[in-house]
Structures are given as structure tokens and as C-alpha cells.
Amino acid sequence: METIALHTRIAPGREADYEREHAALDEQLESAMRRAGVHNWTIWRDGLDLFHLVTVDDYRAMRKRLAQDPVNIRWQEHINQLLEAVDDYSGDDSGLRRVWTLGQRSSD
């Protein structure tokens, strides 16, 4: 299991829209995420900055699987209208680089 941190940005003026869309996520999308190995996905917002913490079996495999899932494809097309930069969802990224964790070395 992996814990991955991500960073995205809301397009200026779309903050309320973004929060409204996440107030009640579609059950089909949640099911697709779980089938792809996601155990937890939490998002925090600071102004326009979004910080995601994802607990998943295999992050890259999850991204590749969701990139082909029709429910996720529709969601990405919709939610990306509210973001500054659009993710290509290739599955080739590995999230933010961890710098430090209490009790662990950064190279662990």
C-alpha cells in the first residue's frame, strides 16, 4: 500500500464550484476508485491550492486503470474545467516527493 501526496490548483473564481462538486461525489465514481485500489482520498484547500493525500494499493496502476474508466473520464472532463492545469492522467507520475516524516528518514 502507498500513501501519495498531490497538489493541484483551482482556477480563480471557481472555489465554490469545486467545493460544491465534492460535497457529494457520485457513487459510481467512488466505486470506480475503490475498484482501482483507492482506500482513502482526502483533499485539503488553502486558497486556490489543493493538497490531496491518497492511500492506494498501487498509485500508478490506479491512475492507468482510471484513465480508461468511462465514469472517471466523464468526471475528469467535468472537474478539470474548475482547475488551472489539466492532468493528462497518464499514470507516469509519482506524486509529490516526500521530504520528511517524523520517525523516518526521507530516503525510506
N, C-alpha and C. Protein backbone atom coordinates (compact mmCIF):
# COMPACT_ATOMS: atom_id res chain seq x y z
N MET A 1 0.85 -1.18 0.00
CA MET A 1 0.00 0.00 0.00
C MET A 1 0.89 1.24 0.00
N GLU A 2 0.43 2.27 -0.68
CA GLU A 2 1.17 3.52 -0.80
C GLU A 2 0.32 4.69 -0.30
N THR A 3 0.99 5.72 0.22
CA THR A 3 0.34 6.99 0.51
C THR A 3 1.02 8.03 -0.36
N ILE A 4 0.25 8.68 -1.21
CA ILE A 4 0.76 9.62 -2.20
C ILE A 4 0.16 10.99 -1.93
N ALA A 5 0.98 12.03 -1.99
CA ALA A 5 0.51 13.41 -1.86
C ALA A 5 0.52 14.06 -3.24
N LEU A 6 -0.50 14.84 -3.52
CA LEU A 6 -0.64 15.54 -4.80
C LEU A 6 -0.97 17.00 -4.54
N HIS A 7 -0.70 17.84 -5.53
CA HIS A 7 -1.02 19.27 -5.45
C HIS A 7 -1.68 19.67 -6.75
N THR A 8 -2.82 20.34 -6.66
CA THR A 8 -3.49 20.93 -7.82
C THR A 8 -3.96 22.32 -7.42
N ARG A 9 -4.43 23.10 -8.40
CA ARG A 9 -4.91 24.46 -8.12
C ARG A 9 -6.26 24.68 -8.78
N ILE A 10 -7.14 25.31 -8.02
CA ILE A 10 -8.44 25.69 -8.54
C ILE A 10 -8.26 26.95 -9.39
N ALA A 11 -8.99 27.02 -10.48
CA ALA A 11 -9.00 28.23 -11.29
C ALA A 11 -9.62 29.36 -10.46
N PRO A 12 -9.03 30.56 -10.50
CA PRO A 12 -9.57 31.68 -9.72
C PRO A 12 -11.06 31.89 -9.99
N GLY A 13 -11.81 32.06 -8.90
CA GLY A 13 -13.25 32.29 -9.01
C GLY A 13 -14.07 31.01 -9.03
N ARG A 14 -13.42 29.84 -9.04
CA ARG A 14 -14.15 28.57 -9.13
C ARG A 14 -14.14 27.80 -7.81
N GLU A 15 -13.71 28.45 -6.72
CA GLU A 15 -13.59 27.78 -5.42
C GLU A 15 -14.92 27.18 -4.96
N ALA A 16 -15.98 27.96 -4.99
CA ALA A 16 -17.28 27.48 -4.52
C ALA A 16 -17.77 26.33 -5.40
N ASP A 17 -17.53 26.43 -6.71
CA ASP A 17 -17.93 25.35 -7.62
C ASP A 17 -17.21 24.05 -7.28
N TYR A 18 -15.90 24.16 -7.02
CA TYR A 18 -15.10 22.98 -6.71
C TYR A 18 -15.59 22.32 -5.43
N GLU A 19 -15.82 23.12 -4.40
CA GLU A 19 -16.30 22.56 -3.14
C GLU A 19 -17.69 21.95 -3.29
N ARG A 20 -18.55 22.59 -4.06
CA ARG A 20 -19.90 22.05 -4.29
C ARG A 20 -19.82 20.69 -4.98
N GLU A 21 -18.93 20.56 -5.96
CA GLU A 21 -18.80 19.29 -6.69
C GLU A 21 -18.30 18.16 -5.79
N HIS A 22 -17.55 18.51 -4.76
CA HIS A 22 -17.01 17.48 -3.87
C HIS A 22 -17.87 17.26 -2.62
N ALA A 23 -18.95 18.03 -2.46
CA ALA A 23 -19.81 17.88 -1.30
C ALA A 23 -20.46 16.50 -1.26
N ALA A 24 -20.75 15.95 -2.43
CA ALA A 24 -21.35 14.62 -2.53
C ALA A 24 -20.90 14.01 -3.86
N LEU A 25 -19.83 13.24 -3.80
CA LEU A 25 -19.29 12.62 -5.00
C LEU A 25 -20.22 11.51 -5.49
N ASP A 26 -20.28 11.36 -6.78
CA ASP A 26 -21.09 10.32 -7.41
C ASP A 26 -20.66 8.94 -6.91
N GLU A 27 -21.63 8.10 -6.55
CA GLU A 27 -21.33 6.76 -6.04
C GLU A 27 -20.62 5.91 -7.08
N GLN A 28 -20.94 6.09 -8.35
CA GLN A 28 -20.25 5.33 -9.40
C GLN A 28 -18.77 5.69 -9.46
N LEU A 29 -18.45 6.97 -9.26
CA LEU A 29 -17.05 7.39 -9.25
C LEU A 29 -16.34 6.80 -8.04
N GLU A 30 -16.97 6.87 -6.88
CA GLU A 30 -16.37 6.27 -5.68
C GLU A 30 -16.12 4.78 -5.88
N SER A 31 -17.06 4.08 -6.48
CA SER A 31 -16.90 2.64 -6.75
C SER A 31 -15.75 2.39 -7.71
N ALA A 32 -15.64 3.22 -8.74
CA ALA A 32 -14.54 3.07 -9.71
C ALA A 32 -13.20 3.26 -9.02
N MET A 33 -13.13 4.24 -8.13
CA MET A 33 -11.89 4.50 -7.40
C MET A 33 -11.54 3.31 -6.51
N ARG A 34 -12.52 2.76 -5.83
CA ARG A 34 -12.26 1.61 -4.96
C ARG A 34 -11.83 0.38 -5.77
N ARG A 35 -12.47 0.15 -6.91
CA ARG A 35 -12.06 -0.97 -7.78
C ARG A 35 -10.63 -0.80 -8.26
N ALA A 36 -10.19 0.45 -8.40
CA ALA A 36 -8.83 0.74 -8.85
C ALA A 36 -7.81 0.68 -7.71
N GLY A 37 -8.28 0.38 -6.48
CA GLY A 37 -7.36 0.20 -5.37
C GLY A 37 -7.24 1.36 -4.40
N VAL A 38 -8.10 2.37 -4.54
CA VAL A 38 -8.05 3.51 -3.62
C VAL A 38 -8.74 3.14 -2.31
N HIS A 39 -8.04 3.34 -1.20
CA HIS A 39 -8.62 3.10 0.12
C HIS A 39 -9.11 4.40 0.75
N ASN A 40 -8.40 5.50 0.48
CA ASN A 40 -8.79 6.80 1.02
C ASN A 40 -8.23 7.89 0.11
N TRP A 41 -9.01 8.95 -0.06
CA TRP A 41 -8.56 10.12 -0.82
C TRP A 41 -9.10 11.34 -0.09
N THR A 42 -8.21 12.12 0.48
CA THR A 42 -8.60 13.31 1.24
C THR A 42 -8.02 14.53 0.54
N ILE A 43 -8.81 15.60 0.46
CA ILE A 43 -8.37 16.84 -0.17
C ILE A 43 -8.51 17.98 0.84
N TRP A 44 -7.43 18.77 0.97
CA TRP A 44 -7.45 20.00 1.77
C TRP A 44 -7.30 21.18 0.82
N ARG A 45 -7.88 22.31 1.18
CA ARG A 45 -7.78 23.51 0.35
C ARG A 45 -7.21 24.66 1.16
N ASP A 46 -6.27 25.38 0.56
CA ASP A 46 -5.71 26.60 1.11
C ASP A 46 -5.77 27.63 -0.01
N GLY A 47 -6.78 28.50 0.02
CA GLY A 47 -6.97 29.44 -1.09
C GLY A 47 -7.28 28.65 -2.36
N LEU A 48 -6.46 28.82 -3.38
CA LEU A 48 -6.64 28.10 -4.64
C LEU A 48 -5.89 26.76 -4.67
N ASP A 49 -5.01 26.56 -3.69
CA ASP A 49 -4.19 25.35 -3.67
C ASP A 49 -4.94 24.19 -3.03
N LEU A 50 -4.87 23.04 -3.71
CA LEU A 50 -5.47 21.81 -3.22
C LEU A 50 -4.36 20.81 -2.93
N PHE A 51 -4.44 20.18 -1.77
CA PHE A 51 -3.48 19.16 -1.39
C PHE A 51 -4.25 17.86 -1.17
N HIS A 52 -3.84 16.83 -1.89
CA HIS A 52 -4.51 15.54 -1.85
C HIS A 52 -3.61 14.54 -1.13
N LEU A 53 -4.20 13.68 -0.32
CA LEU A 53 -3.48 12.57 0.28
C LEU A 53 -4.26 11.31 -0.10
N VAL A 54 -3.59 10.44 -0.84
CA VAL A 54 -4.23 9.25 -1.41
C VAL A 54 -3.57 8.00 -0.83
N THR A 55 -4.38 7.12 -0.26
CA THR A 55 -3.90 5.82 0.18
C THR A 55 -4.44 4.81 -0.82
N VAL A 56 -3.52 4.09 -1.47
CA VAL A 56 -3.88 3.26 -2.61
C VAL A 56 -2.96 2.04 -2.68
N ASP A 57 -3.48 0.95 -3.23
CA ASP A 57 -2.66 -0.25 -3.37
C ASP A 57 -1.43 0.01 -4.23
N ASP A 58 -1.65 0.57 -5.42
CA ASP A 58 -0.57 0.85 -6.39
C ASP A 58 -0.98 2.10 -7.15
N TYR A 59 -0.34 3.22 -6.84
CA TYR A 59 -0.75 4.52 -7.40
C TYR A 59 -0.72 4.54 -8.92
N ARG A 60 0.38 4.12 -9.51
CA ARG A 60 0.49 4.18 -10.98
C ARG A 60 -0.53 3.26 -11.64
N ALA A 61 -0.73 2.08 -11.10
CA ALA A 61 -1.73 1.15 -11.65
C ALA A 61 -3.13 1.75 -11.53
N MET A 62 -3.41 2.40 -10.39
CA MET A 62 -4.71 3.04 -10.20
C MET A 62 -4.94 4.11 -11.25
N ARG A 63 -3.93 4.96 -11.47
CA ARG A 63 -4.07 6.05 -12.45
C ARG A 63 -4.31 5.48 -13.86
N LYS A 64 -3.58 4.46 -14.22
CA LYS A 64 -3.75 3.86 -15.56
C LYS A 64 -5.13 3.23 -15.70
N ARG A 65 -5.60 2.56 -14.65
CA ARG A 65 -6.92 1.94 -14.71
C ARG A 65 -8.01 3.01 -14.82
N LEU A 66 -7.92 4.05 -13.98
CA LEU A 66 -8.95 5.10 -14.01
C LEU A 66 -8.91 5.89 -15.31
N ALA A 67 -7.76 5.99 -15.94
CA ALA A 67 -7.65 6.71 -17.22
C ALA A 67 -8.51 6.06 -18.29
N GLN A 68 -8.86 4.79 -18.10
CA GLN A 68 -9.67 4.06 -19.08
C GLN A 68 -11.12 3.85 -18.62
N ASP A 69 -11.43 4.28 -17.42
CA ASP A 69 -12.77 4.06 -16.86
C ASP A 69 -13.71 5.18 -17.34
N PRO A 70 -14.81 4.82 -18.00
CA PRO A 70 -15.73 5.84 -18.53
C PRO A 70 -16.28 6.80 -17.47
N VAL A 71 -16.55 6.31 -16.27
CA VAL A 71 -17.06 7.17 -15.20
C VAL A 71 -16.01 8.21 -14.83
N ASN A 72 -14.76 7.78 -14.68
CA ASN A 72 -13.69 8.70 -14.33
C ASN A 72 -13.39 9.66 -15.49
N ILE A 73 -13.44 9.18 -16.70
CA ILE A 73 -13.20 10.06 -17.86
C ILE A 73 -14.20 11.21 -17.86
N ARG A 74 -15.48 10.90 -17.64
CA ARG A 74 -16.50 11.96 -17.57
C ARG A 74 -16.23 12.91 -16.41
N TRP A 75 -15.84 12.37 -15.24
CA TRP A 75 -15.54 13.20 -14.08
C TRP A 75 -14.37 14.12 -14.37
N GLN A 76 -13.30 13.60 -14.95
CA GLN A 76 -12.13 14.42 -15.23
C GLN A 76 -12.46 15.55 -16.22
N GLU A 77 -13.24 15.24 -17.25
CA GLU A 77 -13.64 16.28 -18.20
C GLU A 77 -14.42 17.38 -17.49
N HIS A 78 -15.26 17.00 -16.55
CA HIS A 78 -16.08 17.97 -15.81
C HIS A 78 -15.25 18.77 -14.80
N ILE A 79 -14.52 18.07 -13.92
CA ILE A 79 -13.81 18.75 -12.83
C ILE A 79 -12.63 19.56 -13.35
N ASN A 80 -12.02 19.13 -14.45
CA ASN A 80 -10.87 19.88 -14.99
C ASN A 80 -11.26 21.27 -15.46
N GLN A 81 -12.54 21.52 -15.69
CA GLN A 81 -12.99 22.86 -16.05
C GLN A 81 -12.81 23.84 -14.89
N LEU A 82 -12.67 23.29 -13.69
CA LEU A 82 -12.56 24.11 -12.49
C LEU A 82 -11.11 24.28 -12.02
N LEU A 83 -10.17 23.65 -12.72
CA LEU A 83 -8.77 23.67 -12.31
C LEU A 83 -7.92 24.51 -13.25
N GLU A 84 -6.81 25.02 -12.73
CA GLU A 84 -5.89 25.81 -13.56
C GLU A 84 -5.16 24.95 -14.58
N ALA A 85 -4.62 23.84 -14.14
CA ALA A 85 -3.86 22.95 -15.03
C ALA A 85 -4.59 21.62 -15.12
N VAL A 86 -4.59 21.05 -16.30
CA VAL A 86 -5.29 19.79 -16.53
C VAL A 86 -4.28 18.66 -16.48
N ASP A 87 -4.61 17.61 -15.74
CA ASP A 87 -3.77 16.43 -15.59
C ASP A 87 -4.00 15.50 -16.78
N ASP A 88 -2.93 14.99 -17.37
CA ASP A 88 -3.10 14.08 -18.51
C ASP A 88 -3.49 12.67 -18.09
N TYR A 89 -3.45 12.39 -16.79
CA TYR A 89 -3.86 11.11 -16.22
C TYR A 89 -3.13 9.93 -16.83
N SER A 90 -1.86 10.13 -17.20
CA SER A 90 -1.08 9.07 -17.83
C SER A 90 -0.70 7.96 -16.86
N GLY A 91 -0.57 8.30 -15.58
CA GLY A 91 -0.14 7.31 -14.62
C GLY A 91 1.36 7.24 -14.49
N ASP A 92 2.08 8.13 -15.16
CA ASP A 92 3.54 8.10 -15.12
C ASP A 92 4.12 8.92 -13.98
N ASP A 93 3.29 9.68 -13.27
CA ASP A 93 3.81 10.49 -12.17
C ASP A 93 3.84 9.66 -10.89
N SER A 94 4.48 10.20 -9.87
CA SER A 94 4.52 9.51 -8.58
C SER A 94 4.14 10.45 -7.44
N GLY A 95 3.45 11.53 -7.75
CA GLY A 95 3.01 12.47 -6.73
C GLY A 95 4.13 13.36 -6.25
N LEU A 96 3.87 14.06 -5.15
CA LEU A 96 4.87 14.95 -4.57
C LEU A 96 5.97 14.13 -3.88
N ARG A 97 7.18 14.64 -3.93
CA ARG A 97 8.29 13.96 -3.28
C ARG A 97 8.23 14.22 -1.77
N ARG A 98 8.25 13.14 -1.00
CA ARG A 98 8.24 13.27 0.46
C ARG A 98 9.60 13.77 0.91
N VAL A 99 9.60 14.77 1.75
CA VAL A 99 10.83 15.36 2.27
C VAL A 99 11.13 14.84 3.67
N TRP A 100 10.10 14.74 4.51
CA TRP A 100 10.35 14.38 5.89
C TRP A 100 9.11 13.77 6.52
N THR A 101 9.33 12.77 7.36
CA THR A 101 8.28 12.18 8.18
C THR A 101 8.86 11.93 9.56
N LEU A 102 8.17 12.31 10.60
CA LEU A 102 8.63 12.08 11.97
C LEU A 102 8.90 10.60 12.17
N GLY A 103 10.13 10.27 12.57
CA GLY A 103 10.48 8.88 12.84
C GLY A 103 11.00 8.11 11.64
N GLN A 104 11.09 8.75 10.47
CA GLN A 104 11.60 8.08 9.27
C GLN A 104 12.57 8.98 8.53
N ARG A 105 13.51 8.36 7.88
CA ARG A 105 14.43 9.11 7.01
C ARG A 105 13.73 9.38 5.69
N SER A 106 14.10 10.48 5.01
CA SER A 106 13.45 10.84 3.75
C SER A 106 13.73 9.83 2.65
N SER A 107 14.78 9.04 2.77
CA SER A 107 15.10 8.06 1.73
C SER A 107 14.39 6.75 1.96
N ASP A 108 13.67 6.59 3.08
CA ASP A 108 12.95 5.34 3.38
C ASP A 108 11.78 5.15 2.44
